[in-house]
Amino acid sequence: MNFRSDPKRTQYMITLDSNIEKQKEWIKEYKIREAKGEDYYFVFHDNHGNPIGLYRISHIDYIKKQAKVSSLITIKNDEA
């Protein structure tokens, strides 16, 4: 959760409320979309296992063979 709630890392992406209950609800809804094959997130990690980015494939339409993609790669200055 620290990664998605860090204002410097997420200044160009939609962020979620850091409230734990709201996070749980968002994850529950995401897992439903994931199970339907509609939405996937992938996390990029550095060589030390620290998360440094996200890749998302969403709005997947298997009939039209199209989807939306987005990505974010970010490293804090002290991690570079």
PDB file of N, CA and C in Angstrom:
ATOM      1  N   MET A   1       0.824  -1.192   0.000  1.00  0.00           N
ATOM      2  CA  MET A   1       0.000   0.000   0.000  1.00  0.00           C
ATOM      3  C   MET A   1       0.866   1.253   0.000  1.00  0.00           C
ATOM      4  N   ASN A   2       2.044   1.208   0.584  1.00  0.00           N
ATOM      5  CA  ASN A   2       2.909   2.384   0.607  1.00  0.00           C
ATOM      6  C   ASN A   2       3.207   2.885  -0.797  1.00  0.00           C
ATOM      7  N   PHE A   3       3.400   1.956  -1.735  1.00  0.00           N
ATOM      8  CA  PHE A   3       3.729   2.344  -3.099  1.00  0.00           C
ATOM      9  C   PHE A   3       2.610   3.166  -3.725  1.00  0.00           C
ATOM     10  N   ARG A   4       1.370   2.692  -3.618  1.00  0.00           N
ATOM     11  CA  ARG A   4       0.245   3.382  -4.256  1.00  0.00           C
ATOM     12  C   ARG A   4      -0.222   4.609  -3.496  1.00  0.00           C
ATOM     13  N   SER A   5       0.216   4.789  -2.255  1.00  0.00           N
ATOM     14  CA  SER A   5      -0.226   5.961  -1.498  1.00  0.00           C
ATOM     15  C   SER A   5       0.878   7.004  -1.337  1.00  0.00           C
ATOM     16  N   ASP A   6       2.017   6.795  -1.966  1.00  0.00           N
ATOM     17  CA  ASP A   6       3.120   7.755  -1.903  1.00  0.00           C
ATOM     18  C   ASP A   6       2.846   8.882  -2.898  1.00  0.00           C
ATOM     19  N   PRO A   7       2.624  10.127  -2.436  1.00  0.00           N
ATOM     20  CA  PRO A   7       2.254  11.225  -3.336  1.00  0.00           C
ATOM     21  C   PRO A   7       3.280  11.510  -4.431  1.00  0.00           C
ATOM     22  N   LYS A   8       4.563  11.368  -4.135  1.00  0.00           N
ATOM     23  CA  LYS A   8       5.577  11.639  -5.159  1.00  0.00           C
ATOM     24  C   LYS A   8       5.574  10.569  -6.243  1.00  0.00           C
ATOM     25  N   ARG A   9       5.346   9.336  -5.859  1.00  0.00           N
ATOM     26  CA  ARG A   9       5.341   8.250  -6.840  1.00  0.00           C
ATOM     27  C   ARG A   9       4.054   8.227  -7.647  1.00  0.00           C
ATOM     28  N   THR A  10       2.987   8.722  -7.107  1.00  0.00           N
ATOM     29  CA  THR A  10       1.683   8.576  -7.759  1.00  0.00           C
ATOM     30  C   THR A  10       1.108   9.889  -8.278  1.00  0.00           C
ATOM     31  N   GLN A  11       1.936  10.904  -8.423  1.00  0.00           N
ATOM     32  CA  GLN A  11       1.398  12.209  -8.818  1.00  0.00           C
ATOM     33  C   GLN A  11       0.733  12.201 -10.194  1.00  0.00           C
ATOM     34  N   TYR A  12       1.045  11.242 -11.051  1.00  0.00           N
ATOM     35  CA  TYR A  12       0.452  11.194 -12.388  1.00  0.00           C
ATOM     36  C   TYR A  12      -0.505  10.024 -12.577  1.00  0.00           C
ATOM     37  N   MET A  13      -0.906   9.406 -11.497  1.00  0.00           N
ATOM     38  CA  MET A  13      -1.826   8.283 -11.624  1.00  0.00           C
ATOM     39  C   MET A  13      -2.995   8.450 -10.667  1.00  0.00           C
ATOM     40  N   ILE A  14      -4.052   7.727 -10.932  1.00  0.00           N
ATOM     41  CA  ILE A  14      -5.202   7.737 -10.039  1.00  0.00           C
ATOM     42  C   ILE A  14      -4.794   7.001  -8.775  1.00  0.00           C
ATOM     43  N   THR A  15      -5.029   7.626  -7.649  1.00  0.00           N
ATOM     44  CA  THR A  15      -4.674   6.986  -6.387  1.00  0.00           C
ATOM     45  C   THR A  15      -5.931   6.644  -5.612  1.00  0.00           C
ATOM     46  N   LEU A  16      -5.752   5.790  -4.657  1.00  0.00           N
ATOM     47  CA  LEU A  16      -6.865   5.342  -3.843  1.00  0.00           C
ATOM     48  C   LEU A  16      -6.753   5.920  -2.452  1.00  0.00           C
ATOM     49  N   ASP A  17      -7.865   5.999  -1.790  1.00  0.00           N
ATOM     50  CA  ASP A  17      -7.888   6.409  -0.395  1.00  0.00           C
ATOM     51  C   ASP A  17      -7.030   5.436   0.404  1.00  0.00           C
ATOM     52  N   SER A  18      -6.223   5.934   1.323  1.00  0.00           N
ATOM     53  CA  SER A  18      -5.344   5.052   2.094  1.00  0.00           C
ATOM     54  C   SER A  18      -6.072   4.350   3.240  1.00  0.00           C
ATOM     55  N   ASN A  19      -7.370   4.569   3.370  1.00  0.00           N
ATOM     56  CA  ASN A  19      -8.176   3.885   4.376  1.00  0.00           C
ATOM     57  C   ASN A  19      -8.150   2.378   4.104  1.00  0.00           C
ATOM     58  N   ILE A  20      -7.767   1.601   5.101  1.00  0.00           N
ATOM     59  CA  ILE A  20      -7.607   0.155   4.937  1.00  0.00           C
ATOM     60  C   ILE A  20      -8.891  -0.520   4.461  1.00  0.00           C
ATOM     61  N   GLU A  21     -10.036  -0.144   5.018  1.00  0.00           N
ATOM     62  CA  GLU A  21     -11.298  -0.775   4.609  1.00  0.00           C
ATOM     63  C   GLU A  21     -11.609  -0.474   3.145  1.00  0.00           C
ATOM     64  N   LYS A  22     -11.345   0.755   2.704  1.00  0.00           N
ATOM     65  CA  LYS A  22     -11.576   1.103   1.300  1.00  0.00           C
ATOM     66  C   LYS A  22     -10.606   0.347   0.398  1.00  0.00           C
ATOM     67  N   GLN A  23      -9.362   0.171   0.852  1.00  0.00           N
ATOM     68  CA  GLN A  23      -8.386  -0.612   0.094  1.00  0.00           C
ATOM     69  C   GLN A  23      -8.859  -2.055  -0.060  1.00  0.00           C
ATOM     70  N   LYS A  24      -9.368  -2.634   1.027  1.00  0.00           N
ATOM     71  CA  LYS A  24      -9.865  -4.012   0.973  1.00  0.00           C
ATOM     72  C   LYS A  24     -11.019  -4.134  -0.014  1.00  0.00           C
ATOM     73  N   GLU A  25     -11.919  -3.163  -0.012  1.00  0.00           N
ATOM     74  CA  GLU A  25     -13.057  -3.182  -0.932  1.00  0.00           C
ATOM     75  C   GLU A  25     -12.576  -3.060  -2.375  1.00  0.00           C
ATOM     76  N   TRP A  26     -11.600  -2.167  -2.624  1.00  0.00           N
ATOM     77  CA  TRP A  26     -11.065  -2.000  -3.971  1.00  0.00           C
ATOM     78  C   TRP A  26     -10.426  -3.305  -4.443  1.00  0.00           C
ATOM     79  N   ILE A  27      -9.648  -3.955  -3.588  1.00  0.00           N
ATOM     80  CA  ILE A  27      -8.999  -5.218  -3.948  1.00  0.00           C
ATOM     81  C   ILE A  27     -10.044  -6.291  -4.239  1.00  0.00           C
ATOM     82  N   LYS A  28     -11.087  -6.348  -3.433  1.00  0.00           N
ATOM     83  CA  LYS A  28     -12.168  -7.321  -3.646  1.00  0.00           C
ATOM     84  C   LYS A  28     -12.802  -7.114  -5.024  1.00  0.00           C
ATOM     85  N   GLU A  29     -13.093  -5.861  -5.372  1.00  0.00           N
ATOM     86  CA  GLU A  29     -13.689  -5.556  -6.676  1.00  0.00           C
ATOM     87  C   GLU A  29     -12.711  -5.857  -7.808  1.00  0.00           C
ATOM     88  N   TYR A  30     -11.435  -5.534  -7.591  1.00  0.00           N
ATOM     89  CA  TYR A  30     -10.424  -5.833  -8.605  1.00  0.00           C
ATOM     90  C   TYR A  30     -10.325  -7.338  -8.841  1.00  0.00           C
ATOM     91  N   LYS A  31     -10.316  -8.140  -7.778  1.00  0.00           N
ATOM     92  CA  LYS A  31     -10.192  -9.590  -7.916  1.00  0.00           C
ATOM     93  C   LYS A  31     -11.365 -10.176  -8.703  1.00  0.00           C
ATOM     94  N   ILE A  32     -12.538  -9.564  -8.603  1.00  0.00           N
ATOM     95  CA  ILE A  32     -13.688  -9.992  -9.409  1.00  0.00           C
ATOM     96  C   ILE A  32     -13.410  -9.710 -10.882  1.00  0.00           C
ATOM     97  N   ARG A  33     -12.910  -8.490 -11.178  1.00  0.00           N
ATOM     98  CA  ARG A  33     -12.576  -8.146 -12.566  1.00  0.00           C
ATOM     99  C   ARG A  33     -11.462  -9.053 -13.095  1.00  0.00           C
ATOM    100  N   GLU A  34     -10.484  -9.330 -12.245  1.00  0.00           N
ATOM    101  CA  GLU A  34      -9.380 -10.201 -12.644  1.00  0.00           C
ATOM    102  C   GLU A  34      -9.896 -11.611 -12.959  1.00  0.00           C
ATOM    103  N   ALA A  35     -10.764 -12.142 -12.121  1.00  0.00           N
ATOM    104  CA  ALA A  35     -11.317 -13.484 -12.332  1.00  0.00           C
ATOM    105  C   ALA A  35     -12.106 -13.571 -13.640  1.00  0.00           C
ATOM    106  N   LYS A  36     -12.715 -12.458 -14.037  1.00  0.00           N
ATOM    107  CA  LYS A  36     -13.458 -12.408 -15.297  1.00  0.00           C
ATOM    108  C   LYS A  36     -12.530 -12.199 -16.492  1.00  0.00           C
ATOM    109  N   GLY A  37     -11.239 -11.953 -16.227  1.00  0.00           N
ATOM    110  CA  GLY A  37     -10.289 -11.695 -17.308  1.00  0.00           C
ATOM    111  C   GLY A  37     -10.402 -10.299 -17.872  1.00  0.00           C
ATOM    112  N   GLU A  38     -10.896  -9.348 -17.076  1.00  0.00           N
ATOM    113  CA  GLU A  38     -11.123  -7.982 -17.543  1.00  0.00           C
ATOM    114  C   GLU A  38     -10.033  -6.998 -17.131  1.00  0.00           C
ATOM    115  N   ASP A  39      -9.208  -7.341 -16.160  1.00  0.00           N
ATOM    116  CA  ASP A  39      -8.306  -6.354 -15.563  1.00  0.00           C
ATOM    117  C   ASP A  39      -7.138  -7.079 -14.896  1.00  0.00           C
ATOM    118  N   TYR A  40      -5.913  -6.660 -15.216  1.00  0.00           N
ATOM    119  CA  TYR A  40      -4.727  -7.259 -14.594  1.00  0.00           C
ATOM    120  C   TYR A  40      -3.718  -6.176 -14.237  1.00  0.00           C
ATOM    121  N   TYR A  41      -3.093  -6.330 -13.097  1.00  0.00           N
ATOM    122  CA  TYR A  41      -1.985  -5.471 -12.679  1.00  0.00           C
ATOM    123  C   TYR A  41      -0.731  -6.317 -12.560  1.00  0.00           C
ATOM    124  N   PHE A  42       0.388  -5.737 -12.934  1.00  0.00           N
ATOM    125  CA  PHE A  42       1.691  -6.366 -12.768  1.00  0.00           C
ATOM    126  C   PHE A  42       2.586  -5.359 -12.063  1.00  0.00           C
ATOM    127  N   VAL A  43       3.382  -5.816 -11.134  1.00  0.00           N
ATOM    128  CA  VAL A  43       4.273  -4.933 -10.382  1.00  0.00           C
ATOM    129  C   VAL A  43       5.707  -5.201 -10.818  1.00  0.00           C
ATOM    130  N   PHE A  44       6.434  -4.132 -11.153  1.00  0.00           N
ATOM    131  CA  PHE A  44       7.858  -4.227 -11.463  1.00  0.00           C
ATOM    132  C   PHE A  44       8.640  -4.086 -10.172  1.00  0.00           C
ATOM    133  N   HIS A  45       9.689  -4.883 -10.021  1.00  0.00           N
ATOM    134  CA  HIS A  45      10.556  -4.807  -8.849  1.00  0.00           C
ATOM    135  C   HIS A  45      11.998  -4.565  -9.289  1.00  0.00           C
ATOM    136  N   ASP A  46      12.765  -3.886  -8.447  1.00  0.00           N
ATOM    137  CA  ASP A  46      14.189  -3.734  -8.731  1.00  0.00           C
ATOM    138  C   ASP A  46      14.925  -5.012  -8.332  1.00  0.00           C
ATOM    139  N   ASN A  47      16.241  -5.006  -8.463  1.00  0.00           N
ATOM    140  CA  ASN A  47      17.037  -6.201  -8.154  1.00  0.00           C
ATOM    141  C   ASN A  47      17.021  -6.575  -6.680  1.00  0.00           C
ATOM    142  N   HIS A  48      16.510  -5.684  -5.835  1.00  0.00           N
ATOM    143  CA  HIS A  48      16.430  -5.945  -4.402  1.00  0.00           C
ATOM    144  C   HIS A  48      15.018  -6.334  -3.967  1.00  0.00           C
ATOM    145  N   GLY A  49      14.102  -6.435  -4.922  1.00  0.00           N
ATOM    146  CA  GLY A  49      12.731  -6.820  -4.607  1.00  0.00           C
ATOM    147  C   GLY A  49      11.826  -5.664  -4.229  1.00  0.00           C
ATOM    148  N   ASN A  50      12.301  -4.431  -4.376  1.00  0.00           N
ATOM    149  CA  ASN A  50      11.486  -3.254  -4.050  1.00  0.00           C
ATOM    150  C   ASN A  50      10.580  -2.907  -5.229  1.00  0.00           C
ATOM    151  N   PRO A  51       9.304  -2.606  -4.992  1.00  0.00           N
ATOM    152  CA  PRO A  51       8.418  -2.233  -6.100  1.00  0.00           C
ATOM    153  C   PRO A  51       8.826  -0.885  -6.680  1.00  0.00           C
ATOM    154  N   ILE A  52       8.961  -0.834  -8.011  1.00  0.00           N
ATOM    155  CA  ILE A  52       9.341   0.419  -8.665  1.00  0.00           C
ATOM    156  C   ILE A  52       8.381   0.809  -9.780  1.00  0.00           C
ATOM    157  N   GLY A  53       7.377   0.001 -10.044  1.00  0.00           N
ATOM    158  CA  GLY A  53       6.466   0.366 -11.111  1.00  0.00           C
ATOM    159  C   GLY A  53       5.269  -0.562 -11.218  1.00  0.00           C
ATOM    160  N   LEU A  54       4.298  -0.106 -11.993  1.00  0.00           N
ATOM    161  CA  LEU A  54       3.068  -0.865 -12.228  1.00  0.00           C
ATOM    162  C   LEU A  54       2.783  -0.910 -13.724  1.00  0.00           C
ATOM    163  N   TYR A  55       2.176  -1.987 -14.156  1.00  0.00           N
ATOM    164  CA  TYR A  55       1.676  -2.114 -15.515  1.00  0.00           C
ATOM    165  C   TYR A  55       0.266  -2.659 -15.394  1.00  0.00           C
ATOM    166  N   ARG A  56      -0.666  -2.039 -16.092  1.00  0.00           N
ATOM    167  CA  ARG A  56      -2.058  -2.460 -15.996  1.00  0.00           C
ATOM    168  C   ARG A  56      -2.619  -2.710 -17.384  1.00  0.00           C
ATOM    169  N   ILE A  57      -3.341  -3.796 -17.513  1.00  0.00           N
ATOM    170  CA  ILE A  57      -4.128  -4.081 -18.708  1.00  0.00           C
ATOM    171  C   ILE A  57      -5.575  -4.142 -18.240  1.00  0.00           C
ATOM    172  N   SER A  58      -6.429  -3.277 -18.797  1.00  0.00           N
ATOM    173  CA  SER A  58      -7.820  -3.218 -18.347  1.00  0.00           C
ATOM    174  C   SER A  58      -8.767  -3.091 -19.535  1.00  0.00           C
ATOM    175  N   HIS A  59     -10.040  -3.158 -19.235  1.00  0.00           N
ATOM    176  CA  HIS A  59     -11.088  -3.048 -20.256  1.00  0.00           C
ATOM    177  C   HIS A  59     -10.813  -4.022 -21.406  1.00  0.00           C
ATOM    178  N   ILE A  60     -10.448  -5.236 -21.051  1.00  0.00           N
ATOM    179  CA  ILE A  60     -10.085  -6.237 -22.047  1.00  0.00           C
ATOM    180  C   ILE A  60     -11.346  -6.729 -22.756  1.00  0.00           C
ATOM    181  N   ASP A  61     -11.334  -6.623 -24.074  1.00  0.00           N
ATOM    182  CA  ASP A  61     -12.440  -7.092 -24.912  1.00  0.00           C
ATOM    183  C   ASP A  61     -11.869  -8.163 -25.837  1.00  0.00           C
ATOM    184  N   TYR A  62     -12.156  -9.413 -25.523  1.00  0.00           N
ATOM    185  CA  TYR A  62     -11.591 -10.522 -26.281  1.00  0.00           C
ATOM    186  C   TYR A  62     -12.206 -10.648 -27.671  1.00  0.00           C
ATOM    187  N   ILE A  63     -13.423 -10.184 -27.846  1.00  0.00           N
ATOM    188  CA  ILE A  63     -14.075 -10.250 -29.156  1.00  0.00           C
ATOM    189  C   ILE A  63     -13.471  -9.214 -30.101  1.00  0.00           C
ATOM    190  N   LYS A  64     -13.368  -7.977 -29.634  1.00  0.00           N
ATOM    191  CA  LYS A  64     -12.787  -6.912 -30.460  1.00  0.00           C
ATOM    192  C   LYS A  64     -11.260  -6.936 -30.456  1.00  0.00           C
ATOM    193  N   LYS A  65     -10.681  -7.766 -29.588  1.00  0.00           N
ATOM    194  CA  LYS A  65      -9.225  -7.885 -29.443  1.00  0.00           C
ATOM    195  C   LYS A  65      -8.591  -6.532 -29.144  1.00  0.00           C
ATOM    196  N   GLN A  66      -9.119  -5.892 -28.102  1.00  0.00           N
ATOM    197  CA  GLN A  66      -8.571  -4.605 -27.687  1.00  0.00           C
ATOM    198  C   GLN A  66      -8.598  -4.486 -26.171  1.00  0.00           C
ATOM    199  N   ALA A  67      -7.777  -3.583 -25.667  1.00  0.00           N
ATOM    200  CA  ALA A  67      -7.695  -3.337 -24.227  1.00  0.00           C
ATOM    201  C   ALA A  67      -7.029  -1.987 -24.011  1.00  0.00           C
ATOM    202  N   LYS A  68      -7.107  -1.511 -22.784  1.00  0.00           N
ATOM    203  CA  LYS A  68      -6.395  -0.293 -22.397  1.00  0.00           C
ATOM    204  C   LYS A  68      -5.175  -0.715 -21.585  1.00  0.00           C
ATOM    205  N   VAL A  69      -4.076  -0.019 -21.799  1.00  0.00           N
ATOM    206  CA  VAL A  69      -2.876  -0.313 -21.019  1.00  0.00           C
ATOM    207  C   VAL A  69      -2.356   0.973 -20.389  1.00  0.00           C
ATOM    208  N   SER A  70      -1.716   0.822 -19.268  1.00  0.00           N
ATOM    209  CA  SER A  70      -1.069   1.958 -18.619  1.00  0.00           C
ATOM    210  C   SER A  70       0.117   1.428 -17.837  1.00  0.00           C
ATOM    211  N   SER A  71       1.096   2.277 -17.658  1.00  0.00           N
ATOM    212  CA  SER A  71       2.262   1.857 -16.888  1.00  0.00           C
ATOM    213  C   SER A  71       2.823   3.045 -16.132  1.00  0.00           C
ATOM    214  N   LEU A  72       3.534   2.739 -15.091  1.00  0.00           N
ATOM    215  CA  LEU A  72       4.192   3.752 -14.270  1.00  0.00           C
ATOM    216  C   LEU A  72       5.461   3.127 -13.726  1.00  0.00           C
ATOM    217  N   ILE A  73       6.584   3.738 -14.010  1.00  0.00           N
ATOM    218  CA  ILE A  73       7.844   3.306 -13.420  1.00  0.00           C
ATOM    219  C   ILE A  73       8.405   4.499 -12.677  1.00  0.00           C
ATOM    220  N   THR A  74       8.725   4.299 -11.432  1.00  0.00           N
ATOM    221  CA  THR A  74       9.200   5.403 -10.613  1.00  0.00           C
ATOM    222  C   THR A  74      10.197   4.905  -9.582  1.00  0.00           C
ATOM    223  N   ILE A  75      11.224   5.673  -9.371  1.00  0.00           N
ATOM    224  CA  ILE A  75      12.226   5.368  -8.355  1.00  0.00           C
ATOM    225  C   ILE A  75      12.433   6.636  -7.544  1.00  0.00           C
ATOM    226  N   LYS A  76      12.388   6.514  -6.237  1.00  0.00           N
ATOM    227  CA  LYS A  76      12.657   7.668  -5.391  1.00  0.00           C
ATOM    228  C   LYS A  76      14.114   8.080  -5.563  1.00  0.00           C
ATOM    229  N   ASN A  77      14.406   9.368  -5.379  1.00  0.00           N
ATOM    230  CA  ASN A  77      15.769   9.866  -5.536  1.00  0.00           C
ATOM    231  C   ASN A  77      16.771   9.106  -4.682  1.00  0.00           C
ATOM    232  N   ASP A  78      16.390   8.728  -3.484  1.00  0.00           N
ATOM    233  CA  ASP A  78      17.318   8.026  -2.605  1.00  0.00           C
ATOM    234  C   ASP A  78      17.496   6.564  -2.985  1.00  0.00           C
ATOM    235  N   GLU A  79      16.737   6.089  -3.987  1.00  0.00           N
ATOM    236  CA  GLU A  79      16.858   4.704  -4.433  1.00  0.00           C
ATOM    237  C   GLU A  79      17.626   4.597  -5.739  1.00  0.00           C
ATOM    238  N   ALA A  80      17.877   5.711  -6.393  1.00  0.00           N
ATOM    239  CA  ALA A  80      18.529   5.689  -7.711  1.00  0.00           C
ATOM    240  C   ALA A  80      19.997   5.333  -7.601  1.00  0.00           C
TER     241      ALA A  80
END
